[in-house]
PDB file of N, CA and C in Angstrom:
ATOM      1  N   UNK A   1      -9.876 -32.266 -24.589  1.00  0.00           N
ATOM      2  CA  UNK A   1      -9.174 -32.838 -23.552  1.00  0.00           C
ATOM      3  C   UNK A   1      -8.213 -31.747 -23.687  1.00  0.00           C
ATOM      4  N   UNK A   2      -7.168 -32.396 -24.276  1.00  0.00           N
ATOM      5  CA  UNK A   2      -5.833 -31.960 -24.624  1.00  0.00           C
ATOM      6  C   UNK A   2      -5.970 -30.321 -23.846  1.00  0.00           C
ATOM      7  N   UNK A   3      -6.990 -29.495 -24.380  1.00  0.00           N
ATOM      8  CA  UNK A   3      -6.526 -27.777 -24.701  1.00  0.00           C
ATOM      9  C   UNK A   3      -7.071 -27.437 -23.198  1.00  0.00           C
ATOM     10  N   UNK A   4      -7.723 -28.493 -22.726  1.00  0.00           N
ATOM     11  CA  UNK A   4      -8.265 -28.321 -21.535  1.00  0.00           C
ATOM     12  C   UNK A   4      -6.862 -28.068 -20.137  1.00  0.00           C
ATOM     13  N   UNK A   5      -6.328 -29.165 -20.412  1.00  0.00           N
ATOM     14  CA  UNK A   5      -5.400 -29.615 -19.499  1.00  0.00           C
ATOM     15  C   UNK A   5      -3.976 -28.489 -19.528  1.00  0.00           C
ATOM     16  N   UNK A   6      -3.900 -27.808 -21.002  1.00  0.00           N
ATOM     17  CA  UNK A   6      -2.925 -27.063 -20.984  1.00  0.00           C
ATOM     18  C   UNK A   6      -3.467 -26.041 -20.727  1.00  0.00           C
ATOM     19  N   UNK A   7      -4.721 -25.194 -20.931  1.00  0.00           N
ATOM     20  CA  UNK A   7      -4.932 -24.308 -20.065  1.00  0.00           C
ATOM     21  C   UNK A   7      -4.854 -24.173 -18.915  1.00  0.00           C
ATOM     22  N   UNK A   8      -5.109 -25.282 -18.010  1.00  0.00           N
ATOM     23  CA  UNK A   8      -5.048 -24.712 -16.394  1.00  0.00           C
ATOM     24  C   UNK A   8      -3.582 -25.547 -16.286  1.00  0.00           C
ATOM     25  N   UNK A   9      -2.969 -26.283 -16.942  1.00  0.00           N
ATOM     26  CA  UNK A   9      -1.366 -26.013 -16.243  1.00  0.00           C
ATOM     27  C   UNK A   9      -0.777 -24.317 -16.882  1.00  0.00           C
ATOM     28  N   UNK A  10      -1.202 -23.809 -17.918  1.00  0.00           N
ATOM     29  CA  UNK A  10      -0.345 -22.830 -17.392  1.00  0.00           C
ATOM     30  C   UNK A  10      -1.241 -21.439 -17.528  1.00  0.00           C
ATOM     31  N   UNK A  11      -2.686 -21.719 -16.373  1.00  0.00           N
ATOM     32  CA  UNK A  11      -3.036 -20.550 -15.596  1.00  0.00           C
ATOM     33  C   UNK A  11      -2.453 -20.821 -14.503  1.00  0.00           C
ATOM     34  N   UNK A  12      -2.347 -22.174 -13.659  1.00  0.00           N
ATOM     35  CA  UNK A  12      -1.245 -22.363 -12.572  1.00  0.00           C
ATOM     36  C   UNK A  12      -0.055 -21.524 -12.700  1.00  0.00           C
ATOM     37  N   UNK A  13       0.453 -21.816 -13.618  1.00  0.00           N
ATOM     38  CA  UNK A  13       1.793 -21.253 -13.718  1.00  0.00           C
ATOM     39  C   UNK A  13       2.241 -19.818 -13.822  1.00  0.00           C
ATOM     40  N   UNK A  14       0.714 -19.399 -14.854  1.00  0.00           N
ATOM     41  CA  UNK A  14       0.922 -18.014 -14.416  1.00  0.00           C
ATOM     42  C   UNK A  14       0.669 -17.149 -12.828  1.00  0.00           C
ATOM     43  N   UNK A  15      -0.236 -17.846 -12.121  1.00  0.00           N
ATOM     44  CA  UNK A  15      -0.851 -17.853 -10.951  1.00  0.00           C
ATOM     45  C   UNK A  15       0.096 -17.915 -10.327  1.00  0.00           C
ATOM     46  N   UNK A  16       1.077 -18.748  -9.760  1.00  0.00           N
ATOM     47  CA  UNK A  16       2.368 -19.277  -8.586  1.00  0.00           C
ATOM     48  C   UNK A  16       3.612 -17.882  -9.614  1.00  0.00           C
ATOM     49  N   UNK A  17       3.585 -17.713 -10.634  1.00  0.00           N
ATOM     50  CA  UNK A  17       4.480 -16.785 -10.905  1.00  0.00           C
ATOM     51  C   UNK A  17       4.488 -15.101 -10.055  1.00  0.00           C
ATOM     52  N   UNK A  18       2.454 -14.704 -10.809  1.00  0.00           N
ATOM     53  CA  UNK A  18       2.192 -13.862 -10.286  1.00  0.00           C
ATOM     54  C   UNK A  18       2.352 -13.766  -9.497  1.00  0.00           C
ATOM     55  N   UNK A  19       1.646 -14.414  -8.090  1.00  0.00           N
ATOM     56  CA  UNK A  19       2.000 -14.587  -6.389  1.00  0.00           C
ATOM     57  C   UNK A  19       3.563 -13.937  -5.696  1.00  0.00           C
ATOM     58  N   UNK A  20       4.465 -14.967  -7.093  1.00  0.00           N
ATOM     59  CA  UNK A  20       6.077 -14.599  -6.212  1.00  0.00           C
ATOM     60  C   UNK A  20       6.048 -13.277  -6.323  1.00  0.00           C
ATOM     61  N   UNK A  21       5.861 -12.665  -7.701  1.00  0.00           N
ATOM     62  CA  UNK A  21       5.841 -11.795  -7.907  1.00  0.00           C
ATOM     63  C   UNK A  21       5.649 -10.449  -6.670  1.00  0.00           C
ATOM     64  N   UNK A  22       3.960 -10.271  -6.376  1.00  0.00           N
ATOM     65  CA  UNK A  22       3.359  -9.752  -5.743  1.00  0.00           C
ATOM     66  C   UNK A  22       3.978  -9.830  -4.215  1.00  0.00           C
ATOM     67  N   UNK A  23       4.346 -10.875  -3.852  1.00  0.00           N
ATOM     68  CA  UNK A  23       5.362 -11.254  -2.520  1.00  0.00           C
ATOM     69  C   UNK A  23       6.383 -10.684  -2.425  1.00  0.00           C
ATOM     70  N   UNK A  24       7.065 -10.942  -3.761  1.00  0.00           N
ATOM     71  CA  UNK A  24       8.317  -9.200  -3.216  1.00  0.00           C
ATOM     72  C   UNK A  24       7.881  -7.950  -3.176  1.00  0.00           C
ATOM     73  N   UNK A  25       6.993  -7.764  -4.270  1.00  0.00           N
ATOM     74  CA  UNK A  25       6.776  -6.371  -3.956  1.00  0.00           C
ATOM     75  C   UNK A  25       5.969  -5.652  -2.572  1.00  0.00           C
ATOM     76  N   UNK A  26       5.448  -6.531  -1.752  1.00  0.00           N
ATOM     77  CA  UNK A  26       4.798  -6.108  -0.677  1.00  0.00           C
ATOM     78  C   UNK A  26       5.829  -6.568   0.545  1.00  0.00           C
ATOM     79  N   UNK A  27       7.013  -7.489   0.364  1.00  0.00           N
ATOM     80  CA  UNK A  27       8.878  -7.303   0.940  1.00  0.00           C
ATOM     81  C   UNK A  27       8.665  -5.736   0.969  1.00  0.00           C
ATOM     82  N   UNK A  28       9.318  -5.157  -0.105  1.00  0.00           N
ATOM     83  CA  UNK A  28       9.694  -4.356  -0.566  1.00  0.00           C
ATOM     84  C   UNK A  28       9.332  -2.963   0.036  1.00  0.00           C
ATOM     85  N   UNK A  29       7.930  -2.923  -0.598  1.00  0.00           N
ATOM     86  CA  UNK A  29       6.586  -2.316   0.205  1.00  0.00           C
ATOM     87  C   UNK A  29       7.367  -1.730   1.747  1.00  0.00           C
ATOM     88  N   UNK A  30       7.262  -2.803   2.070  1.00  0.00           N
ATOM     89  CA  UNK A  30       7.439  -2.930   3.514  1.00  0.00           C
ATOM     90  C   UNK A  30       8.509  -1.752   3.629  1.00  0.00           C
ATOM     91  N   UNK A  31       9.240  -1.818   3.493  1.00  0.00           N
ATOM     92  CA  UNK A  31      10.839  -1.732   3.246  1.00  0.00           C
ATOM     93  C   UNK A  31      11.034  -0.511   3.123  1.00  0.00           C
ATOM     94  N   UNK A  32      10.180   0.218   2.296  1.00  0.00           N
ATOM     95  CA  UNK A  32      10.199   1.345   1.838  1.00  0.00           C
ATOM     96  C   UNK A  32       9.546   2.547   2.538  1.00  0.00           C
ATOM     97  N   UNK A  33       8.164   1.416   3.109  1.00  0.00           N
ATOM     98  CA  UNK A  33       6.850   2.009   4.032  1.00  0.00           C
ATOM     99  C   UNK A  33       8.237   2.649   5.090  1.00  0.00           C
ATOM    100  N   UNK A  34       8.528   1.781   5.913  1.00  0.00           N
ATOM    101  CA  UNK A  34       9.540   1.532   6.834  1.00  0.00           C
ATOM    102  C   UNK A  34      10.881   2.734   7.188  1.00  0.00           C
ATOM    103  N   UNK A  35      11.319   2.514   6.046  1.00  0.00           N
ATOM    104  CA  UNK A  35      12.607   3.937   5.777  1.00  0.00           C
ATOM    105  C   UNK A  35      12.141   4.798   5.428  1.00  0.00           C
ATOM    106  N   UNK A  36      11.186   5.160   4.305  1.00  0.00           N
ATOM    107  CA  UNK A  36      11.157   6.425   3.915  1.00  0.00           C
ATOM    108  C   UNK A  36      10.423   7.512   5.093  1.00  0.00           C
ATOM    109  N   UNK A  37      10.074   6.850   6.487  1.00  0.00           N
ATOM    110  CA  UNK A  37       9.494   7.205   7.455  1.00  0.00           C
ATOM    111  C   UNK A  37       7.831   7.242   7.327  1.00  0.00           C
ATOM    112  N   UNK A  38       7.680   6.744   6.635  1.00  0.00           N
ATOM    113  CA  UNK A  38       5.479   7.013   6.305  1.00  0.00           C
ATOM    114  C   UNK A  38       5.189   6.175   7.689  1.00  0.00           C
ATOM    115  N   UNK A  39       5.615   5.148   8.623  1.00  0.00           N
ATOM    116  CA  UNK A  39       5.759   4.662   9.642  1.00  0.00           C
ATOM    117  C   UNK A  39       5.305   6.056  10.886  1.00  0.00           C
ATOM    118  N   UNK A  40       6.005   7.014  10.217  1.00  0.00           N
ATOM    119  CA  UNK A  40       6.047   8.032  11.520  1.00  0.00           C
ATOM    120  C   UNK A  40       4.983   8.421  12.124  1.00  0.00           C
ATOM    121  N   UNK A  41       3.785   9.127  10.577  1.00  0.00           N
ATOM    122  CA  UNK A  41       3.106   9.169  10.458  1.00  0.00           C
ATOM    123  C   UNK A  41       1.180   8.208  10.316  1.00  0.00           C
ATOM    124  N   UNK A  42       1.668   7.583   9.506  1.00  0.00           N
ATOM    125  CA  UNK A  42       0.664   6.805   9.488  1.00  0.00           C
ATOM    126  C   UNK A  42       0.705   5.371  10.019  1.00  0.00           C
ATOM    127  N   UNK A  43       1.375   5.122  10.797  1.00  0.00           N
ATOM    128  CA  UNK A  43       1.731   4.348  11.811  1.00  0.00           C
ATOM    129  C   UNK A  43       1.949   2.944  11.528  1.00  0.00           C
ATOM    130  N   UNK A  44       2.763   2.129  12.447  1.00  0.00           N
ATOM    131  CA  UNK A  44       2.837   0.448  12.343  1.00  0.00           C
ATOM    132  C   UNK A  44       1.963   0.405  10.787  1.00  0.00           C
ATOM    133  N   UNK A  45       2.490  -0.606  10.166  1.00  0.00           N
ATOM    134  CA  UNK A  45       1.797  -1.360   8.773  1.00  0.00           C
ATOM    135  C   UNK A  45       0.588  -0.629   8.378  1.00  0.00           C
ATOM    136  N   UNK A  46       0.565   0.698   8.769  1.00  0.00           N
ATOM    137  CA  UNK A  46      -0.161   1.843   7.861  1.00  0.00           C
ATOM    138  C   UNK A  46      -1.320   1.907   8.871  1.00  0.00           C
ATOM    139  N   UNK A  47      -1.528   1.925   9.913  1.00  0.00           N
ATOM    140  CA  UNK A  47      -2.470   2.019  10.740  1.00  0.00           C
ATOM    141  C   UNK A  47      -2.100   2.894  12.039  1.00  0.00           C
ATOM    142  N   UNK A  48      -3.403   4.033  11.283  1.00  0.00           N
ATOM    143  CA  UNK A  48      -2.281   5.223  12.156  1.00  0.00           C
ATOM    144  C   UNK A  48      -3.277   5.278  13.261  1.00  0.00           C
ATOM    145  N   UNK A  49      -2.476   5.761  14.233  1.00  0.00           N
ATOM    146  CA  UNK A  49      -2.414   6.291  15.750  1.00  0.00           C
ATOM    147  C   UNK A  49      -3.578   7.512  15.867  1.00  0.00           C
ATOM    148  N   UNK A  50      -3.271   8.800  14.796  1.00  0.00           N
ATOM    149  CA  UNK A  50      -3.989  10.126  14.954  1.00  0.00           C
ATOM    150  C   UNK A  50      -4.833   9.930  13.408  1.00  0.00           C
ATOM    151  N   UNK A  51      -5.818   9.056  13.293  1.00  0.00           N
ATOM    152  CA  UNK A  51      -6.874   9.323  12.252  1.00  0.00           C
ATOM    153  C   UNK A  51      -7.128  10.603  11.966  1.00  0.00           C
ATOM    154  N   UNK A  52      -7.225  11.250  13.009  1.00  0.00           N
ATOM    155  CA  UNK A  52      -7.634  12.740  11.956  1.00  0.00           C
ATOM    156  C   UNK A  52      -6.571  13.655  11.628  1.00  0.00           C
ATOM    157  N   UNK A  53      -5.458  13.618  12.051  1.00  0.00           N
ATOM    158  CA  UNK A  53      -4.345  13.798  11.382  1.00  0.00           C
ATOM    159  C   UNK A  53      -3.660  13.335   9.719  1.00  0.00           C
ATOM    160  N   UNK A  54      -3.824  11.899  10.291  1.00  0.00           N
ATOM    161  CA  UNK A  54      -3.026  11.483   9.314  1.00  0.00           C
ATOM    162  C   UNK A  54      -3.904  10.091   8.871  1.00  0.00           C
ATOM    163  N   UNK A  55      -4.582   9.689   7.884  1.00  0.00           N
ATOM    164  CA  UNK A  55      -5.088   8.632   7.674  1.00  0.00           C
ATOM    165  C   UNK A  55      -4.628   7.320   7.657  1.00  0.00           C
ATOM    166  N   UNK A  56      -5.623   6.490   8.029  1.00  0.00           N
ATOM    167  CA  UNK A  56      -4.711   5.212   7.841  1.00  0.00           C
ATOM    168  C   UNK A  56      -5.073   5.275   6.730  1.00  0.00           C
ATOM    169  N   UNK A  57      -3.929   3.749   5.929  1.00  0.00           N
ATOM    170  CA  UNK A  57      -3.660   3.675   4.977  1.00  0.00           C
ATOM    171  C   UNK A  57      -4.215   2.275   4.721  1.00  0.00           C
ATOM    172  N   UNK A  58      -4.499   1.291   5.873  1.00  0.00           N
ATOM    173  CA  UNK A  58      -4.082  -0.496   5.727  1.00  0.00           C
ATOM    174  C   UNK A  58      -5.186  -0.756   5.071  1.00  0.00           C
ATOM    175  N   UNK A  59      -4.772  -2.014   4.152  1.00  0.00           N
ATOM    176  CA  UNK A  59      -6.050  -2.519   3.149  1.00  0.00           C
ATOM    177  C   UNK A  59      -6.915  -1.572   2.284  1.00  0.00           C
ATOM    178  N   UNK A  60      -6.404  -0.320   2.328  1.00  0.00           N
ATOM    179  CA  UNK A  60      -6.900   0.131   1.125  1.00  0.00           C
ATOM    180  C   UNK A  60      -6.711   0.127  -0.335  1.00  0.00           C
ATOM    181  N   UNK A  61      -7.178  -0.413  -1.589  1.00  0.00           N
ATOM    182  CA  UNK A  61      -6.482  -0.533  -2.992  1.00  0.00           C
ATOM    183  C   UNK A  61      -5.143  -0.149  -2.850  1.00  0.00           C
ATOM    184  N   UNK A  62      -4.368  -1.115  -3.498  1.00  0.00           N
ATOM    185  CA  UNK A  62      -2.766  -0.822  -4.092  1.00  0.00           C
ATOM    186  C   UNK A  62      -2.747  -0.001  -4.866  1.00  0.00           C
ATOM    187  N   UNK A  63      -3.337   0.296  -5.625  1.00  0.00           N
ATOM    188  CA  UNK A  63      -3.221   0.813  -7.108  1.00  0.00           C
ATOM    189  C   UNK A  63      -3.532   2.562  -6.784  1.00  0.00           C
ATOM    190  N   UNK A  64      -5.099   2.594  -5.497  1.00  0.00           N
ATOM    191  CA  UNK A  64      -5.288   3.630  -4.810  1.00  0.00           C
ATOM    192  C   UNK A  64      -4.271   4.145  -4.357  1.00  0.00           C
ATOM    193  N   UNK A  65      -3.485   3.692  -3.255  1.00  0.00           N
ATOM    194  CA  UNK A  65      -2.210   4.120  -2.965  1.00  0.00           C
ATOM    195  C   UNK A  65      -1.040   4.291  -3.561  1.00  0.00           C
ATOM    196  N   UNK A  66      -0.534   3.915  -4.530  1.00  0.00           N
ATOM    197  CA  UNK A  66       0.118   4.318  -5.967  1.00  0.00           C
ATOM    198  C   UNK A  66      -0.093   5.670  -6.745  1.00  0.00           C
ATOM    199  N   UNK A  67      -1.468   5.580  -6.886  1.00  0.00           N
ATOM    200  CA  UNK A  67      -2.131   7.011  -7.424  1.00  0.00           C
ATOM    201  C   UNK A  67      -1.626   7.950  -6.481  1.00  0.00           C
ATOM    202  N   UNK A  68      -2.112   7.857  -5.300  1.00  0.00           N
ATOM    203  CA  UNK A  68      -1.576   9.091  -4.439  1.00  0.00           C
ATOM    204  C   UNK A  68      -0.707   9.714  -4.169  1.00  0.00           C
ATOM    205  N   UNK A  69       0.647   8.486  -3.625  1.00  0.00           N
ATOM    206  CA  UNK A  69       1.658   8.614  -3.943  1.00  0.00           C
ATOM    207  C   UNK A  69       2.377   9.460  -5.701  1.00  0.00           C
ATOM    208  N   UNK A  70       1.957   9.001  -6.222  1.00  0.00           N
ATOM    209  CA  UNK A  70       2.465   9.453  -7.709  1.00  0.00           C
ATOM    210  C   UNK A  70       1.965  11.248  -7.620  1.00  0.00           C
ATOM    211  N   UNK A  71       0.698  11.027  -7.825  1.00  0.00           N
ATOM    212  CA  UNK A  71       0.490  12.206  -7.825  1.00  0.00           C
ATOM    213  C   UNK A  71       0.679  13.765  -6.599  1.00  0.00           C
ATOM    214  N   UNK A  72       1.186  13.042  -5.173  1.00  0.00           N
ATOM    215  CA  UNK A  72       1.486  13.671  -4.715  1.00  0.00           C
ATOM    216  C   UNK A  72       3.396  14.083  -5.021  1.00  0.00           C
ATOM    217  N   UNK A  73       3.927  13.302  -5.306  1.00  0.00           N
ATOM    218  CA  UNK A  73       4.967  13.370  -6.152  1.00  0.00           C
ATOM    219  C   UNK A  73       5.081  14.288  -7.114  1.00  0.00           C
ATOM    220  N   UNK A  74       4.669  14.490  -8.033  1.00  0.00           N
ATOM    221  CA  UNK A  74       4.282  15.336  -9.076  1.00  0.00           C
ATOM    222  C   UNK A  74       3.722  16.591  -8.502  1.00  0.00           C
ATOM    223  N   UNK A  75       2.845  16.753  -7.733  1.00  0.00           N
ATOM    224  CA  UNK A  75       2.491  18.030  -6.805  1.00  0.00           C
ATOM    225  C   UNK A  75       1.180  18.137  -8.323  1.00  0.00           C
ATOM    226  N   UNK A  76       0.230  16.935  -8.283  1.00  0.00           N
ATOM    227  CA  UNK A  76      -1.002  16.956  -9.144  1.00  0.00           C
ATOM    228  C   UNK A  76      -1.795  16.845  -7.693  1.00  0.00           C
ATOM    229  N   UNK A  77      -1.261  16.653  -7.145  1.00  0.00           N
ATOM    230  CA  UNK A  77      -1.904  17.134  -5.182  1.00  0.00           C
ATOM    231  C   UNK A  77      -1.180  17.463  -4.044  1.00  0.00           C
ATOM    232  N   UNK A  78      -1.422  18.377  -3.121  1.00  0.00           N
ATOM    233  CA  UNK A  78      -0.490  19.397  -2.766  1.00  0.00           C
ATOM    234  C   UNK A  78      -0.458  18.983  -1.592  1.00  0.00           C
ATOM    235  N   UNK A  79       0.267  18.746  -0.482  1.00  0.00           N
ATOM    236  CA  UNK A  79       0.379  18.887   0.485  1.00  0.00           C
ATOM    237  C   UNK A  79       2.166  18.813   1.131  1.00  0.00           C
ATOM    238  N   UNK A  80       1.850  20.163   2.329  1.00  0.00           N
ATOM    239  CA  UNK A  80       3.593  20.580   2.494  1.00  0.00           C
ATOM    240  C   UNK A  80       4.085  19.927   3.128  1.00  0.00           C
ATOM    241  N   UNK A  81       3.699  18.193   4.049  1.00  0.00           N
ATOM    242  CA  UNK A  81       4.167  17.344   4.471  1.00  0.00           C
ATOM    243  C   UNK A  81       4.448  16.096   3.383  1.00  0.00           C
ATOM    244  N   UNK A  82       3.469  15.836   2.464  1.00  0.00           N
ATOM    245  CA  UNK A  82       3.618  14.194   1.529  1.00  0.00           C
ATOM    246  C   UNK A  82       4.704  14.854   0.215  1.00  0.00           C
ATOM    247  N   UNK A  83       4.645  15.952  -0.069  1.00  0.00           N
ATOM    248  CA  UNK A  83       5.042  16.413  -1.088  1.00  0.00           C
ATOM    249  C   UNK A  83       6.394  16.111  -0.996  1.00  0.00           C
ATOM    250  N   UNK A  84       7.281  16.240  -0.418  1.00  0.00           N
ATOM    251  CA  UNK A  84       8.375  16.029  -0.288  1.00  0.00           C
ATOM    252  C   UNK A  84       9.127  14.679   0.311  1.00  0.00           C
ATOM    253  N   UNK A  85       8.358  14.361   0.847  1.00  0.00           N
ATOM    254  CA  UNK A  85       8.661  13.133   1.413  1.00  0.00           C
ATOM    255  C   UNK A  85       8.112  11.889   0.415  1.00  0.00           C
ATOM    256  N   UNK A  86       7.723  12.307  -0.815  1.00  0.00           N
ATOM    257  CA  UNK A  86       6.957  10.815  -2.092  1.00  0.00           C
ATOM    258  C   UNK A  86       8.557  11.132  -3.079  1.00  0.00           C
ATOM    259  N   UNK A  87       9.506  12.507  -2.629  1.00  0.00           N
ATOM    260  CA  UNK A  87      10.175  12.514  -4.107  1.00  0.00           C
ATOM    261  C   UNK A  87      11.196  12.182  -4.461  1.00  0.00           C
ATOM    262  N   UNK A  88      11.305  11.326  -5.484  1.00  0.00           N
ATOM    263  CA  UNK A  88      12.224  10.420  -5.566  1.00  0.00           C
ATOM    264  C   UNK A  88      11.672   8.753  -5.440  1.00  0.00           C
ATOM    265  N   UNK A  89      10.489   8.985  -5.307  1.00  0.00           N
ATOM    266  CA  UNK A  89       9.597   7.462  -5.751  1.00  0.00           C
ATOM    267  C   UNK A  89       9.515   7.252  -7.151  1.00  0.00           C
ATOM    268  N   UNK A  90       9.796   5.952  -7.683  1.00  0.00           N
ATOM    269  CA  UNK A  90       9.895   5.119  -8.573  1.00  0.00           C
ATOM    270  C   UNK A  90       7.572   5.160  -8.324  1.00  0.00           C
ATOM    271  N   UNK A  91       7.452   4.909  -9.781  1.00  0.00           N
ATOM    272  CA  UNK A  91       6.655   4.176 -10.546  1.00  0.00           C
ATOM    273  C   UNK A  91       6.628   3.061  -9.492  1.00  0.00           C
ATOM    274  N   UNK A  92       7.330   2.465  -9.750  1.00  0.00           N
ATOM    275  CA  UNK A  92       7.574   1.023  -9.085  1.00  0.00           C
ATOM    276  C   UNK A  92       7.577   0.956  -7.577  1.00  0.00           C
ATOM    277  N   UNK A  93       8.111   1.954  -7.025  1.00  0.00           N
ATOM    278  CA  UNK A  93       8.597   2.216  -5.429  1.00  0.00           C
ATOM    279  C   UNK A  93       6.917   2.466  -5.174  1.00  0.00           C
ATOM    280  N   UNK A  94       6.372   3.758  -5.602  1.00  0.00           N
ATOM    281  CA  UNK A  94       5.204   3.622  -5.313  1.00  0.00           C
ATOM    282  C   UNK A  94       4.209   2.031  -5.393  1.00  0.00           C
ATOM    283  N   UNK A  95       4.066   1.397  -6.173  1.00  0.00           N
ATOM    284  CA  UNK A  95       3.526   0.243  -6.350  1.00  0.00           C
ATOM    285  C   UNK A  95       3.601  -1.376  -5.329  1.00  0.00           C
ATOM    286  N   UNK A  96       5.032  -0.984  -5.247  1.00  0.00           N
ATOM    287  CA  UNK A  96       5.540  -2.207  -4.126  1.00  0.00           C
ATOM    288  C   UNK A  96       4.882  -1.279  -2.346  1.00  0.00           C
ATOM    289  N   UNK A  97       4.564   0.055  -2.652  1.00  0.00           N
ATOM    290  CA  UNK A  97       4.334   0.510  -0.929  1.00  0.00           C
ATOM    291  C   UNK A  97       3.082   0.235  -1.308  1.00  0.00           C
ATOM    292  N   UNK A  98       1.821   0.502  -2.559  1.00  0.00           N
ATOM    293  CA  UNK A  98       0.694   0.226  -1.924  1.00  0.00           C
ATOM    294  C   UNK A  98       0.298  -1.503  -2.156  1.00  0.00           C
ATOM    295  N   UNK A  99       1.045  -2.151  -2.622  1.00  0.00           N
ATOM    296  CA  UNK A  99       1.115  -3.961  -2.587  1.00  0.00           C
ATOM    297  C   UNK A  99       0.907  -3.729  -0.714  1.00  0.00           C
ATOM    298  N   UNK A 100       1.960  -3.286  -0.050  1.00  0.00           N
ATOM    299  CA  UNK A 100       2.307  -3.353   1.475  1.00  0.00           C
ATOM    300  C   UNK A 100       0.782  -3.163   2.110  1.00  0.00           C
ATOM    301  N   UNK A 101       0.874  -2.280   1.720  1.00  0.00           N
ATOM    302  CA  UNK A 101      -0.463  -1.167   2.906  1.00  0.00           C
ATOM    303  C   UNK A 101      -1.693  -2.239   2.332  1.00  0.00           C
ATOM    304  N   UNK A 102      -2.017  -2.235   1.138  1.00  0.00           N
ATOM    305  CA  UNK A 102      -3.235  -3.342   0.479  1.00  0.00           C
ATOM    306  C   UNK A 102      -3.176  -4.959   1.683  1.00  0.00           C
ATOM    307  N   UNK A 103      -1.898  -5.525   1.833  1.00  0.00           N
ATOM    308  CA  UNK A 103      -2.089  -6.213   2.328  1.00  0.00           C
ATOM    309  C   UNK A 103      -2.290  -6.399   3.630  1.00  0.00           C
ATOM    310  N   UNK A 104      -2.175  -5.592   3.851  1.00  0.00           N
ATOM    311  CA  UNK A 104      -2.287  -4.979   5.585  1.00  0.00           C
ATOM    312  C   UNK A 104      -4.090  -5.026   5.909  1.00  0.00           C
TER     313      UNK A 104
END
């Protein structure tokens, strides 16, 4: 019984800490999304008004968004608009933008 109690307490603490970190990632991602100019093409909160030219990113998996940002940054995926836009974005910042967009 004591082992179960210890496990439950430890699990609760882990979830609480993890949730707080994720909330900070979302806030930082929102700031980055807006300040880097992403909103100009992908729309407020990642809701594109011109889906034919600029995809809606809201609601996509955080890891997918982060991976795509890194691929554009590293020229593994080429796009004349995106490659220069994401230069200088760190892996952590890419994850934060992904967290923000996934939460939308």
